[in-house]
C-alpha atoms as a PDB file:
ATOM      1  CA  MET A   1      85.273 -59.249  19.671  1.00  0.00           C
ATOM      2  CA  LYS A   2      83.959 -60.517  16.509  1.00  0.00           C
ATOM      3  CA  TYR A   3      81.687 -62.885  18.203  1.00  0.00           C
ATOM      4  CA  TRP A   4      80.041 -60.054  20.009  1.00  0.00           C
ATOM      5  CA  CYS A   5      79.465 -58.143  16.896  1.00  0.00           C
ATOM      6  CA  VAL A   6      77.906 -60.773  15.179  1.00  0.00           C
ATOM      7  CA  LEU A   7      75.809 -61.663  18.062  1.00  0.00           C
ATOM      8  CA  ALA A   8      74.489 -57.828  18.141  1.00  0.00           C
ATOM      9  CA  LEU A   9      73.777 -57.733  14.503  1.00  0.00           C
ATOM     10  CA  ALA A  10      71.783 -61.196  14.627  1.00  0.00           C
ATOM     11  CA  MET A  11      69.894 -59.441  17.676  1.00  0.00           C
ATOM     12  CA  ILE A  12      69.018 -56.432  15.605  1.00  0.00           C
ATOM     13  CA  ALA A  13      67.975 -58.193  12.509  1.00  0.00           C
ATOM     14  CA  ALA A  14      65.978 -61.074  14.090  1.00  0.00           C
ATOM     15  CA  PRO A  15      62.812 -58.882  14.687  1.00  0.00           C
ATOM     16  CA  ALA A  16      62.997 -57.765  10.998  1.00  0.00           C
ATOM     17  CA  PHE A  17      62.905 -61.238   9.695  1.00  0.00           C
ATOM     18  CA  ALA A  18      60.230 -62.177  12.191  1.00  0.00           C
ATOM     19  CA  GLN A  19      58.050 -59.478  10.830  1.00  0.00           C
ATOM     20  CA  GLU A  20      58.462 -60.458   7.205  1.00  0.00           C
ATOM     21  CA  ALA A  21      57.407 -63.961   8.136  1.00  0.00           C
ATOM     22  CA  THR A  22      54.242 -63.083   9.872  1.00  0.00           C
ATOM     23  CA  PRO A  23      51.383 -62.869   7.083  1.00  0.00           C
ATOM     24  CA  ALA A  24      49.267 -59.799   7.281  1.00  0.00           C
ATOM     25  CA  PRO A  25      45.786 -60.275   9.156  1.00  0.00           C
ATOM     26  CA  CYS A  26      42.766 -60.976   6.957  1.00  0.00           C
ATOM     27  CA  PRO A  27      39.981 -58.586   6.670  1.00  0.00           C
ATOM     28  CA  ALA A  28      36.587 -59.218   8.681  1.00  0.00           C
ATOM     29  CA  THR A  29      35.040 -59.960   5.153  1.00  0.00           C
ATOM     30  CA  PRO A  30      36.581 -62.848   3.281  1.00  0.00           C
ATOM     31  CA  ALA A  31      38.374 -62.025   0.054  1.00  0.00           C
ATOM     32  CA  PRO A  32      36.526 -62.901  -3.318  1.00  0.00           C
ATOM     33  CA  LEU A  33      37.242 -66.167  -4.858  1.00  0.00           C
ATOM     34  CA  PRO A  34      38.217 -66.320  -8.208  1.00  0.00           C
ATOM     35  CA  ALA A  35      35.810 -67.140 -11.010  1.00  0.00           C
ATOM     36  CA  GLN A  36      36.545 -70.782 -11.276  1.00  0.00           C
ATOM     37  CA  PHE A  37      35.388 -71.178  -7.435  1.00  0.00           C
ATOM     38  CA  ALA A  38      32.068 -69.790  -8.081  1.00  0.00           C
ATOM     39  CA  GLY A  39      30.378 -72.873  -7.098  1.00  0.00           C
ATOM     40  CA  TRP A  40      31.620 -72.541  -3.615  1.00  0.00           C
ATOM     41  CA  THR A  41      28.381 -70.424  -2.990  1.00  0.00           C
ATOM     42  CA  ASN A  42      26.363 -73.481  -4.190  1.00  0.00           C
ATOM     43  CA  THR A  43      26.205 -75.593  -1.391  1.00  0.00           C
ATOM     44  CA  ALA A  44      24.723 -79.116  -0.913  1.00  0.00           C
ATOM     45  CA  PRO A  45      24.829 -81.431   2.277  1.00  0.00           C
ATOM     46  CA  VAL A  46      26.359 -84.817   1.612  1.00  0.00           C
ATOM     47  CA  ALA A  47      26.957 -87.830   4.149  1.00  0.00           C
ATOM     48  CA  ALA A  48      30.190 -89.530   3.331  1.00  0.00           C
ATOM     49  CA  THR A  49      30.110 -93.272   3.345  1.00  0.00           C
ATOM     50  CA  ALA A  50      32.520 -95.460   5.343  1.00  0.00           C
ATOM     51  CA  THR A  51      32.821 -98.288   2.631  1.00  0.00           C
ATOM     52  CA  GLY A  52      32.724 -98.569  -0.848  1.00  0.00           C
ATOM     53  CA  THR A  53      29.438-100.759  -0.864  1.00  0.00           C
ATOM     54  CA  ASP A  54      27.365 -97.699  -0.601  1.00  0.00           C
ATOM     55  CA  ILE A  55      29.474 -94.983  -2.203  1.00  0.00           C
ATOM     56  CA  ALA A  56      26.716 -94.185  -4.888  1.00  0.00           C
ATOM     57  CA  LYS A  57      24.654 -92.432  -2.081  1.00  0.00           C
ATOM     58  CA  ALA A  58      27.423 -90.231  -1.346  1.00  0.00           C
ATOM     59  CA  GLN A  59      27.318 -88.367  -4.689  1.00  0.00           C
ATOM     60  CA  ILE A  60      29.082 -84.754  -4.981  1.00  0.00           C
ATOM     61  CA  THR A  61      28.621 -82.657  -8.055  1.00  0.00           C
ATOM     62  CA  VAL A  62      31.674 -81.248  -9.801  1.00  0.00           C
ATOM     63  CA  GLY A  63      31.408 -77.376  -9.677  1.00  0.00           C
ATOM     64  CA  ASN A  64      29.231 -77.257  -6.614  1.00  0.00           C
ATOM     65  CA  ARG A  65      30.680 -77.212  -2.947  1.00  0.00           C
ATOM     66  CA  ALA A  66      29.431 -80.083  -0.918  1.00  0.00           C
ATOM     67  CA  ASP A  67      29.497 -79.793   2.866  1.00  0.00           C
ATOM     68  CA  VAL A  68      30.507 -83.370   3.542  1.00  0.00           C
ATOM     69  CA  ALA A  69      29.618 -84.865   7.004  1.00  0.00           C
ATOM     70  CA  LEU A  70      32.310 -87.183   7.869  1.00  0.00           C
ATOM     71  CA  LEU A  71      32.538 -90.179  10.261  1.00  0.00           C
ATOM     72  CA  PRO A  72      35.025 -91.109  13.165  1.00  0.00           C
ATOM     73  CA  ALA A  73      38.170 -92.332  11.341  1.00  0.00           C
ATOM     74  CA  GLU A  74      38.299 -95.735  12.931  1.00  0.00           C
ATOM     75  CA  GLN A  75      35.035 -96.699  11.047  1.00  0.00           C
ATOM     76  CA  VAL A  76      36.130 -95.866   7.618  1.00  0.00           C
ATOM     77  CA  GLN A  77      37.402 -98.715   5.315  1.00  0.00           C
ATOM     78  CA  PHE A  78      39.216 -96.937   2.363  1.00  0.00           C
ATOM     79  CA  LEU A  79      39.190 -98.375  -1.093  1.00  0.00           C
ATOM     80  CA  ALA A  80      43.037 -97.697  -1.365  1.00  0.00           C
ATOM     81  CA  PRO A  81      44.388 -97.123   2.246  1.00  0.00           C
ATOM     82  CA  GLU A  82      46.994 -94.465   1.615  1.00  0.00           C
ATOM     83  CA  LYS A  83      46.857 -92.618   5.019  1.00  0.00           C
ATOM     84  CA  ALA A  84      46.329 -94.474   8.248  1.00  0.00           C
ATOM     85  CA  ALA A  85      43.419 -93.490  10.485  1.00  0.00           C
ATOM     86  CA  VAL A  86      44.159 -91.123  13.286  1.00  0.00           C
ATOM     87  CA  ALA A  87      42.158 -91.453  16.493  1.00  0.00           C
ATOM     88  CA  GLY A  88      39.990 -88.414  17.348  1.00  0.00           C
ATOM     89  CA  THR A  89      39.789 -87.095  13.502  1.00  0.00           C
ATOM     90  CA  HIS A  90      37.132 -87.747  10.840  1.00  0.00           C
ATOM     91  CA  SER A  91      37.246 -89.326   7.658  1.00  0.00           C
ATOM     92  CA  GLY A  92      34.790 -90.855   4.826  1.00  0.00           C
ATOM     93  CA  MET A  93      34.232 -91.193   0.960  1.00  0.00           C
ATOM     94  CA  VAL A  94      32.390 -89.609  -1.668  1.00  0.00           C
ATOM     95  CA  HIS A  95      31.562 -90.218  -5.339  1.00  0.00           C
ATOM     96  CA  PHE A  96      31.892 -87.775  -8.232  1.00  0.00           C
ATOM     97  CA  VAL A  97      31.681 -88.293 -11.992  1.00  0.00           C
ATOM     98  CA  LEU A  98      33.891 -86.339 -14.628  1.00  0.00           C
ATOM     99  CA  PRO A  99      32.415 -85.356 -18.007  1.00  0.00           C
ATOM    100  CA  ASP A 100      35.868 -84.822 -19.848  1.00  0.00           C
ATOM    101  CA  ALA A 101      39.710 -85.165 -19.603  1.00  0.00           C
ATOM    102  CA  ARG A 102      41.518 -82.465 -18.016  1.00  0.00           C
ATOM    103  CA  THR A 103      43.089 -81.179 -14.906  1.00  0.00           C
ATOM    104  CA  TYR A 104      40.688 -80.863 -11.883  1.00  0.00           C
ATOM    105  CA  ARG A 105      41.214 -78.965  -8.776  1.00  0.00           C
ATOM    106  CA  VAL A 106      39.978 -80.172  -5.320  1.00  0.00           C
ATOM    107  CA  ALA A 107      39.452 -77.366  -3.169  1.00  0.00           C
ATOM    108  CA  LEU A 108      38.953 -77.743   0.649  1.00  0.00           C
ATOM    109  CA  GLY A 109      37.846 -75.935   3.470  1.00  0.00           C
ATOM    110  CA  ALA A 110      40.521 -77.420   6.009  1.00  0.00           C
ATOM    111  CA  GLY A 111      43.635 -79.152   5.742  1.00  0.00           C
ATOM    112  CA  ALA A 112      42.518 -82.790   5.654  1.00  0.00           C
ATOM    113  CA  TRP A 113      44.224 -85.589   3.750  1.00  0.00           C
ATOM    114  CA  ILE A 114      42.704 -86.543   0.247  1.00  0.00           C
ATOM    115  CA  ASP A 115      43.167 -89.216  -2.287  1.00  0.00           C
ATOM    116  CA  VAL A 116      41.416 -89.510  -5.657  1.00  0.00           C
ATOM    117  CA  VAL A 117      40.693 -93.062  -6.279  1.00  0.00           C
ATOM    118  CA  ARG A 118      39.574 -94.949  -9.458  1.00  0.00           C
ATOM    119  CA  ASP A 119      39.289 -98.817  -9.892  1.00  0.00           C
ATOM    120  CA  GLY A 120      40.789 -99.511  -6.265  1.00  0.00           C
ATOM    121  CA  LYS A 121      44.085 -97.287  -6.928  1.00  0.00           C
ATOM    122  CA  ALA A 122      45.093 -93.952  -5.568  1.00  0.00           C
ATOM    123  CA  ILE A 123      45.978 -91.405  -8.456  1.00  0.00           C
ATOM    124  CA  ASP A 124      49.038 -89.305  -8.007  1.00  0.00           C
ATOM    125  CA  SER A 125      48.320 -85.760  -7.587  1.00  0.00           C
ATOM    126  CA  ASP A 126      49.952 -82.947  -9.900  1.00  0.00           C
ATOM    127  CA  ALA A 127      50.254 -79.998  -7.481  1.00  0.00           C
ATOM    128  CA  HIS A 128      49.078 -79.081  -4.088  1.00  0.00           C
ATOM    129  CA  GLY A 129      48.561 -75.462  -2.536  1.00  0.00           C
ATOM    130  CA  HIS A 130      47.805 -73.900   0.773  1.00  0.00           C
ATOM    131  CA  GLY A 131      44.705 -72.621  -0.448  1.00  0.00           C
ATOM    132  CA  ILE A 132      43.539 -68.914  -1.125  1.00  0.00           C
ATOM    133  CA  PRO A 133      44.695 -66.587   1.572  1.00  0.00           C
ATOM    134  CA  CYS A 134      41.798 -64.650   3.166  1.00  0.00           C
ATOM    135  CA  THR A 135      39.067 -67.041   1.978  1.00  0.00           C
ATOM    136  CA  PRO A 136      37.547 -70.080   3.245  1.00  0.00           C
ATOM    137  CA  VAL A 137      39.585 -72.470   0.619  1.00  0.00           C
ATOM    138  CA  ARG A 138      42.400 -73.912   2.835  1.00  0.00           C
ATOM    139  CA  LYS A 139      43.895 -76.334   0.721  1.00  0.00           C
ATOM    140  CA  THR A 140      43.886 -77.244  -2.849  1.00  0.00           C
ATOM    141  CA  VAL A 141      45.210 -80.324  -4.804  1.00  0.00           C
ATOM    142  CA  ASP A 142      45.297 -80.925  -8.526  1.00  0.00           C
ATOM    143  CA  PHE A 143      44.597 -84.162 -10.402  1.00  0.00           C
ATOM    144  CA  ALA A 144      44.976 -84.839 -14.309  1.00  0.00           C
ATOM    145  CA  LEU A 145      41.746 -87.162 -14.783  1.00  0.00           C
ATOM    146  CA  THR A 146      40.067 -88.857 -17.445  1.00  0.00           C
ATOM    147  CA  PRO A 147      36.237 -89.247 -17.848  1.00  0.00           C
ATOM    148  CA  GLY A 148      34.426 -91.448 -15.510  1.00  0.00           C
ATOM    149  CA  ASP A 149      33.650 -92.113 -11.979  1.00  0.00           C
ATOM    150  CA  TYR A 150      35.825 -91.670  -8.998  1.00  0.00           C
ATOM    151  CA  VAL A 151      35.978 -91.611  -5.231  1.00  0.00           C
ATOM    152  CA  LEU A 152      37.540 -89.020  -3.052  1.00  0.00           C
ATOM    153  CA  GLN A 153      38.769 -90.445   0.257  1.00  0.00           C
ATOM    154  CA  ILE A 154      39.168 -87.939   2.896  1.00  0.00           C
ATOM    155  CA  ALA A 155      41.161 -88.567   5.957  1.00  0.00           C
ATOM    156  CA  GLY A 156      42.559 -86.847   9.116  1.00  0.00           C
ATOM    157  CA  ASN A 157      39.982 -83.945   9.371  1.00  0.00           C
ATOM    158  CA  ARG A 158      39.556 -82.480  12.681  1.00  0.00           C
ATOM    159  CA  ASP A 159      35.870 -81.443  12.425  1.00  0.00           C
ATOM    160  CA  ALA A 160      33.020 -83.809  11.635  1.00  0.00           C
ATOM    161  CA  SER A 161      32.366 -81.966   8.433  1.00  0.00           C
ATOM    162  CA  LEU A 162      34.383 -80.418   5.420  1.00  0.00           C
ATOM    163  CA  SER A 163      33.537 -78.273   2.558  1.00  0.00           C
ATOM    164  CA  VAL A 164      34.803 -79.756  -0.917  1.00  0.00           C
ATOM    165  CA  LEU A 165      34.521 -77.943  -4.282  1.00  0.00           C
ATOM    166  CA  ILE A 166      35.816 -79.977  -7.405  1.00  0.00           C
ATOM    167  CA  VAL A 167      36.566 -77.696 -10.473  1.00  0.00           C
ATOM    168  CA  PRO A 168      38.020 -78.252 -13.834  1.00  0.00           C
ATOM    169  CA  LEU A 169      41.035 -75.940 -14.271  1.00  0.00           C
ATOM    170  CA  LEU A 170      40.651 -73.594 -16.985  1.00  0.00           C
ATOM    171  CA  PRO A 171      42.663 -74.206 -20.204  1.00  0.00           C
END
């Protein structure tokens, strides 16, 4: 008898739990981005590079979104291979320069894998996020970085292009 009571309660409660887990649909017009992401509207096309030899040609500017044209994953030779190439995906590398030491947030328009590399070594991230609901930002990753030159390695993106914005976190 106890078994049937537990089963009946589970069947009644299951739809309520399922409804709570389903996120609310987003409005037709995307939600406004926080002020720190104002550069998302300043777009520049950038072609990613497949090797480190011509990385200076793939420059992105901190504070402005770059729409990065990626390459077939099999063509890319990462400086610090942290993620294996997945056939059918797109990858590439871009270069950026930081003016001062602080935590920077890398915001992506898709759920690609990224690494920030300096002197041939990937830097550990401080935090990860699923982006900002109902906006074009789908993923964020934070890194504590010092002034200088860096490479952003992008791997495993489904599409041949990816929107990227790097911004300093507000103090």
